[in-house]
Amino acid sequence: MVDAFEQWWDGVELWLAQLAFPFQFALLMCVLLPLCLGVARLIDRVVDNASTRFNPVPKVPPASDEAKPDQVDAGRSS
């Protein structure tokens, strides 16, 4: 099984190495770019879930207008 996979991979590698550079680049970008974006999203979700699990944010009710302190205008004198 592994030997068959190695032979297949050698064939793919040889085919890719024989392509012209613009085709190699285009194929790489069409395959590698979505793969890297998917892995980055997966890592982002895992880190986000781990950070919320180990450091939960307490739910704080929003402050009402009555709870805000009076604003002082220190620049003007009456």
Protein backbone atom coordinates (compact mmCIF):
# COMPACT_ATOMS: atom_id res chain seq x y z
CA MET A 1 0.00 0.00 0.00
CA VAL A 2 2.72 2.47 0.98
CA ASP A 3 4.82 1.43 -2.00
CA ALA A 4 1.94 2.16 -4.39
CA PHE A 5 1.43 5.58 -2.81
CA GLU A 6 5.14 6.35 -3.13
CA GLN A 7 5.09 5.43 -6.82
CA TRP A 8 2.02 7.59 -7.40
CA TRP A 9 3.57 10.52 -5.55
CA ASP A 10 6.81 10.18 -7.56
CA GLY A 11 4.73 10.37 -10.74
CA VAL A 12 2.90 13.49 -9.57
CA GLU A 13 6.17 15.08 -8.51
CA LEU A 14 7.78 14.33 -11.86
CA TRP A 15 4.75 15.72 -13.72
CA LEU A 16 4.80 18.90 -11.66
CA ALA A 17 8.56 19.35 -12.06
CA GLN A 18 8.25 19.10 -15.85
CA LEU A 19 5.61 21.85 -16.10
CA ALA A 20 6.61 25.36 -17.08
CA PHE A 21 7.04 27.78 -14.18
CA PRO A 22 3.82 29.79 -14.76
CA PHE A 23 1.78 26.59 -14.67
CA GLN A 24 3.60 25.39 -11.56
CA PHE A 25 2.89 28.73 -9.86
CA ALA A 26 -0.78 28.74 -10.89
CA LEU A 27 -1.29 25.17 -9.72
CA LEU A 28 0.48 25.89 -6.45
CA MET A 29 -1.67 28.95 -5.79
CA CYS A 30 -4.89 27.10 -6.66
CA VAL A 31 -4.05 24.26 -4.26
CA LEU A 32 -1.83 25.71 -1.56
CA LEU A 33 -3.58 29.05 -1.00
CA PRO A 34 -7.02 27.56 -0.13
CA LEU A 35 -5.32 24.88 1.95
CA CYS A 36 -3.38 27.46 3.96
CA LEU A 37 -6.49 29.62 4.44
CA GLY A 38 -8.41 26.60 5.70
CA VAL A 39 -5.66 25.65 8.13
CA ALA A 40 -5.44 29.26 9.35
CA ARG A 41 -9.20 29.36 10.01
CA LEU A 42 -9.01 26.05 11.84
CA ILE A 43 -6.15 27.28 14.03
CA ASP A 44 -8.07 30.52 14.69
CA ARG A 45 -11.17 28.62 15.82
CA VAL A 46 -9.17 26.24 18.02
CA VAL A 47 -7.30 29.10 19.71
CA ASP A 48 -10.52 31.12 20.12
CA ASN A 49 -12.35 28.17 21.69
CA ALA A 50 -9.42 27.38 23.97
CA SER A 51 -9.09 30.99 25.11
CA THR A 52 -12.80 31.28 25.93
CA ARG A 53 -12.76 27.93 27.70
CA PHE A 54 -9.74 28.71 29.89
CA ASN A 55 -10.40 32.43 30.36
CA PRO A 56 -14.16 33.05 30.25
CA VAL A 57 -15.30 36.65 30.00
CA PRO A 58 -17.79 37.49 32.76
CA LYS A 59 -21.12 38.78 31.58
CA VAL A 60 -21.49 42.38 32.74
CA PRO A 61 -24.78 44.18 32.26
CA PRO A 62 -24.51 47.38 30.23
CA ALA A 63 -24.20 50.56 32.27
CA SER A 64 -27.26 52.77 32.32
CA ASP A 65 -27.17 56.56 31.91
CA GLU A 66 -27.83 57.00 35.63
CA ALA A 67 -24.71 55.06 36.58
CA LYS A 68 -22.41 57.33 34.56
CA PRO A 69 -20.61 60.02 36.58
CA ASP A 70 -21.21 63.65 35.82
CA GLN A 71 -18.85 65.09 33.25
CA VAL A 72 -16.67 67.93 34.41
CA ASP A 73 -15.57 70.65 31.98
CA ALA A 74 -12.18 71.66 33.34
CA GLY A 75 -11.28 73.91 30.42
CA ARG A 76 -13.86 76.64 31.03
CA SER A 77 -14.43 78.83 34.02
CA SER A 78 -17.84 80.31 34.82
